[in-house]
C-alpha atoms as a PDB file:
ATOM      1  CA  MET A   1     115.255 100.198 122.942  1.00  0.00           C
ATOM      2  CA  SER A   2     114.638 102.947 125.479  1.00  0.00           C
ATOM      3  CA  ALA A   3     112.321 102.406 128.412  1.00  0.00           C
ATOM      4  CA  ALA A   4     110.005 105.077 126.986  1.00  0.00           C
ATOM      5  CA  ALA A   5     109.596 103.115 123.741  1.00  0.00           C
ATOM      6  CA  ARG A   6     108.835  99.819 125.504  1.00  0.00           C
ATOM      7  CA  ARG A   7     105.193  98.857 125.012  1.00  0.00           C
ATOM      8  CA  VAL A   8     103.652  96.148 127.134  1.00  0.00           C
ATOM      9  CA  VAL A   9      99.957  95.504 126.517  1.00  0.00           C
ATOM     10  CA  LEU A  10      97.595  93.751 128.892  1.00  0.00           C
ATOM     11  CA  ALA A  11      94.560  92.553 126.941  1.00  0.00           C
ATOM     12  CA  ILE A  12      91.229  91.368 128.296  1.00  0.00           C
ATOM     13  CA  ASP A  13      88.657  89.281 126.482  1.00  0.00           C
ATOM     14  CA  PRO A  14      85.688  90.066 128.751  1.00  0.00           C
ATOM     15  CA  GLY A  15      82.852  87.709 129.535  1.00  0.00           C
ATOM     16  CA  ARG A  16      80.094  87.244 132.078  1.00  0.00           C
ATOM     17  CA  ASP A  17      81.411  83.939 133.498  1.00  0.00           C
ATOM     18  CA  LYS A  18      85.110  84.143 132.649  1.00  0.00           C
ATOM     19  CA  CYS A  19      87.626  86.544 131.164  1.00  0.00           C
ATOM     20  CA  GLY A  20      90.728  85.852 129.131  1.00  0.00           C
ATOM     21  CA  VAL A  21      93.743  87.944 130.116  1.00  0.00           C
ATOM     22  CA  ALA A  22      97.147  88.189 128.447  1.00  0.00           C
ATOM     23  CA  VAL A  23     100.263  90.338 128.625  1.00  0.00           C
ATOM     24  CA  CYS A  24     102.183  90.758 125.363  1.00  0.00           C
ATOM     25  CA  GLU A  25     105.235  92.692 124.278  1.00  0.00           C
ATOM     26  CA  ARG A  26     106.632  92.784 120.722  1.00  0.00           C
ATOM     27  CA  GLY A  27     105.530  89.282 119.716  1.00  0.00           C
ATOM     28  CA  ILE A  28     106.174  87.699 123.103  1.00  0.00           C
ATOM     29  CA  VAL A  29     103.380  86.436 125.332  1.00  0.00           C
ATOM     30  CA  ARG A  30     104.550  87.229 128.873  1.00  0.00           C
ATOM     31  CA  ALA A  31     101.535  85.771 130.696  1.00  0.00           C
ATOM     32  CA  ARG A  32      98.017  84.549 130.031  1.00  0.00           C
ATOM     33  CA  ALA A  33      95.151  83.205 132.117  1.00  0.00           C
ATOM     34  CA  VAL A  34      91.419  82.621 132.259  1.00  0.00           C
ATOM     35  CA  VAL A  35      89.830  84.076 135.391  1.00  0.00           C
ATOM     36  CA  ALA A  36      86.427  84.778 136.879  1.00  0.00           C
ATOM     37  CA  PRO A  37      85.317  88.407 136.423  1.00  0.00           C
ATOM     38  CA  HIS A  38      85.462  89.091 140.167  1.00  0.00           C
ATOM     39  CA  ALA A  39      89.179  88.107 140.195  1.00  0.00           C
ATOM     40  CA  LEU A  40      90.041  90.384 137.267  1.00  0.00           C
ATOM     41  CA  PRO A  41      90.832  93.661 139.113  1.00  0.00           C
ATOM     42  CA  ASP A  42      93.385  92.063 141.443  1.00  0.00           C
ATOM     43  CA  LEU A  43      95.046  90.143 138.601  1.00  0.00           C
ATOM     44  CA  VAL A  44      95.223  93.244 136.391  1.00  0.00           C
ATOM     45  CA  ARG A  45      96.821  95.297 139.188  1.00  0.00           C
ATOM     46  CA  GLU A  46      99.324  92.513 139.944  1.00  0.00           C
ATOM     47  CA  TRP A  47     100.289  91.980 136.295  1.00  0.00           C
ATOM     48  CA  ARG A  48     100.441  95.765 135.731  1.00  0.00           C
ATOM     49  CA  ARG A  49     103.084  95.933 138.458  1.00  0.00           C
ATOM     50  CA  ARG A  50     104.923  92.690 137.631  1.00  0.00           C
ATOM     51  CA  HIS A  51     105.174  93.143 133.853  1.00  0.00           C
ATOM     52  CA  GLY A  52     105.361  96.925 133.583  1.00  0.00           C
ATOM     53  CA  VAL A  53     102.166  97.185 131.549  1.00  0.00           C
ATOM     54  CA  THR A  54     101.990 100.456 129.615  1.00  0.00           C
ATOM     55  CA  GLU A  55      98.436 100.126 128.286  1.00  0.00           C
ATOM     56  CA  VAL A  56      95.339  97.966 128.653  1.00  0.00           C
ATOM     57  CA  VAL A  57      92.995  96.906 125.858  1.00  0.00           C
ATOM     58  CA  VAL A  58      89.546  95.434 126.404  1.00  0.00           C
ATOM     59  CA  GLY A  59      87.457  93.602 123.814  1.00  0.00           C
ATOM     60  CA  ASP A  60      84.368  95.644 122.984  1.00  0.00           C
ATOM     61  CA  ARG A  61      81.673  92.979 123.295  1.00  0.00           C
ATOM     62  CA  THR A  62      80.167  91.085 126.264  1.00  0.00           C
ATOM     63  CA  ALA A  63      80.511  92.837 129.653  1.00  0.00           C
ATOM     64  CA  SER A  64      83.094  95.273 128.317  1.00  0.00           C
ATOM     65  CA  SER A  65      81.484  98.499 129.557  1.00  0.00           C
ATOM     66  CA  ASP A  66      81.554  97.458 133.228  1.00  0.00           C
ATOM     67  CA  ILE A  67      85.148  96.264 132.972  1.00  0.00           C
ATOM     68  CA  MET A  68      86.251  99.427 131.145  1.00  0.00           C
ATOM     69  CA  ARG A  69      84.629 101.640 133.767  1.00  0.00           C
ATOM     70  CA  SER A  70      86.215  99.702 136.629  1.00  0.00           C
ATOM     71  CA  LEU A  71      89.709  99.674 135.125  1.00  0.00           C
ATOM     72  CA  LYS A  72      89.710 103.323 134.071  1.00  0.00           C
ATOM     73  CA  SER A  73      88.957 104.352 137.635  1.00  0.00           C
ATOM     74  CA  THR A  74      91.712 102.226 139.200  1.00  0.00           C
ATOM     75  CA  LEU A  75      94.629 102.166 136.725  1.00  0.00           C
ATOM     76  CA  ASP A  76      97.161 104.840 135.842  1.00  0.00           C
ATOM     77  CA  VAL A  77      97.638 103.635 132.240  1.00  0.00           C
ATOM     78  CA  PRO A  78      95.443 104.077 129.165  1.00  0.00           C
ATOM     79  CA  VAL A  79      92.479 101.673 128.929  1.00  0.00           C
ATOM     80  CA  ILE A  80      91.289 101.279 125.344  1.00  0.00           C
ATOM     81  CA  ALA A  81      88.343  99.414 123.822  1.00  0.00           C
ATOM     82  CA  ILE A  82      89.279  97.298 120.811  1.00  0.00           C
ATOM     83  CA  ASP A  83      87.159  95.470 118.232  1.00  0.00           C
ATOM     84  CA  GLU A  84      87.052  91.785 119.105  1.00  0.00           C
ATOM     85  CA  GLU A  85      85.017  90.534 116.150  1.00  0.00           C
ATOM     86  CA  GLY A  86      86.102  87.028 115.143  1.00  0.00           C
ATOM     87  CA  THR A  87      88.589  86.528 117.977  1.00  0.00           C
ATOM     88  CA  THR A  88      86.822  83.509 119.477  1.00  0.00           C
ATOM     89  CA  LEU A  89      87.064  81.532 116.249  1.00  0.00           C
ATOM     90  CA  ARG A  90      90.678  82.608 115.670  1.00  0.00           C
ATOM     91  CA  ALA A  91      91.488  81.767 119.310  1.00  0.00           C
ATOM     92  CA  ARG A  92      90.177  78.241 118.841  1.00  0.00           C
ATOM     93  CA  THR A  93      92.399  77.837 115.769  1.00  0.00           C
ATOM     94  CA  ARG A  94      95.402  79.172 117.683  1.00  0.00           C
ATOM     95  CA  TYR A  95      94.686  76.828 120.586  1.00  0.00           C
ATOM     96  CA  PHE A  96      94.755  73.801 118.296  1.00  0.00           C
ATOM     97  CA  ASP A  97      97.893  75.103 116.524  1.00  0.00           C
ATOM     98  CA  GLU A  98      99.650  75.102 119.913  1.00  0.00           C
ATOM     99  CA  HIS A  99      97.945  71.912 121.195  1.00  0.00           C
ATOM    100  CA  PRO A 100      97.467  69.670 118.157  1.00  0.00           C
ATOM    101  CA  PRO A 101      94.951  66.868 118.606  1.00  0.00           C
ATOM    102  CA  ARG A 102      96.465  63.431 119.086  1.00  0.00           C
ATOM    103  CA  GLY A 103      95.338  59.920 118.349  1.00  0.00           C
ATOM    104  CA  TRP A 104      91.960  59.504 116.702  1.00  0.00           C
ATOM    105  CA  ARG A 105      91.081  63.165 117.483  1.00  0.00           C
ATOM    106  CA  ARG A 106      93.515  64.332 114.781  1.00  0.00           C
ATOM    107  CA  LEU A 107      91.118  62.835 112.214  1.00  0.00           C
ATOM    108  CA  ILE A 108      88.298  65.187 113.202  1.00  0.00           C
ATOM    109  CA  PRO A 109      88.219  68.473 111.265  1.00  0.00           C
ATOM    110  CA  ARG A 110      89.400  71.248 113.592  1.00  0.00           C
ATOM    111  CA  GLY A 111      86.367  73.342 112.753  1.00  0.00           C
ATOM    112  CA  LEU A 112      84.200  70.721 114.465  1.00  0.00           C
ATOM    113  CA  MET A 113      86.327  70.439 117.598  1.00  0.00           C
ATOM    114  CA  VAL A 114      86.029  72.408 120.811  1.00  0.00           C
ATOM    115  CA  PRO A 115      89.081  72.738 123.061  1.00  0.00           C
ATOM    116  CA  PRO A 116      88.872  70.650 126.239  1.00  0.00           C
ATOM    117  CA  GLU A 117      89.572  73.712 128.410  1.00  0.00           C
ATOM    118  CA  PRO A 118      88.657  77.418 128.317  1.00  0.00           C
ATOM    119  CA  TYR A 119      90.648  79.283 125.678  1.00  0.00           C
ATOM    120  CA  ASP A 120      89.603  82.874 126.350  1.00  0.00           C
ATOM    121  CA  ASP A 121      93.251  83.670 127.129  1.00  0.00           C
ATOM    122  CA  TYR A 122      94.092  82.950 123.492  1.00  0.00           C
ATOM    123  CA  ALA A 123      91.473  85.524 122.459  1.00  0.00           C
ATOM    124  CA  ALA A 124      93.170  88.035 124.781  1.00  0.00           C
ATOM    125  CA  VAL A 125      96.538  87.296 123.139  1.00  0.00           C
ATOM    126  CA  LEU A 126      94.982  87.977 119.727  1.00  0.00           C
ATOM    127  CA  LEU A 127      93.559  91.289 120.991  1.00  0.00           C
ATOM    128  CA  ALA A 128      96.957  92.377 122.313  1.00  0.00           C
ATOM    129  CA  GLU A 129      98.744  91.377 119.119  1.00  0.00           C
ATOM    130  CA  ALA A 130      96.187  93.210 116.968  1.00  0.00           C
ATOM    131  CA  HIS A 131      96.540  96.355 119.070  1.00  0.00           C
ATOM    132  CA  LEU A 132     100.340  96.254 118.895  1.00  0.00           C
ATOM    133  CA  ARG A 133     100.217  95.760 115.092  1.00  0.00           C
ATOM    134  CA  LEU A 134      97.748  98.610 114.581  1.00  0.00           C
ATOM    135  CA  SER A 135      99.724 101.039 116.684  1.00  0.00           C
ATOM    136  CA  GLU A 136     102.973 100.160 114.881  1.00  0.00           C
ATOM    137  CA  MET A 137     101.283 101.045 111.574  1.00  0.00           C
ATOM    138  CA  ALA A 138     100.092 104.417 112.848  1.00  0.00           C
END
């Protein structure tokens, strides 16, 4: 694959208290984290450089307009808003797929469980994967 065809997406699931961030490329999650909003610009710039990010997608709900405005003014790659409806619920499911409950917790229906740690990074992964799928179809 030529360098021009390589697509590396950095996705952000924005929030007021914390943001999920992930870098994905063709079905591979390169990096993911949950960070405070004030730490987001530095992390995005660092991961942009380290992973060769070619585009940034931002979930279109909570706090997205401020983050979009900030990133568009500081990055030299496209910054795109993407529909994030339903990602939190799907992120919780993905979290438990990758970290299955053990012991007596496995008896509790997953729909009633809440992960023991923030999982906003899983929502960011889902945003990146959705964007990559949509653009492959176009």
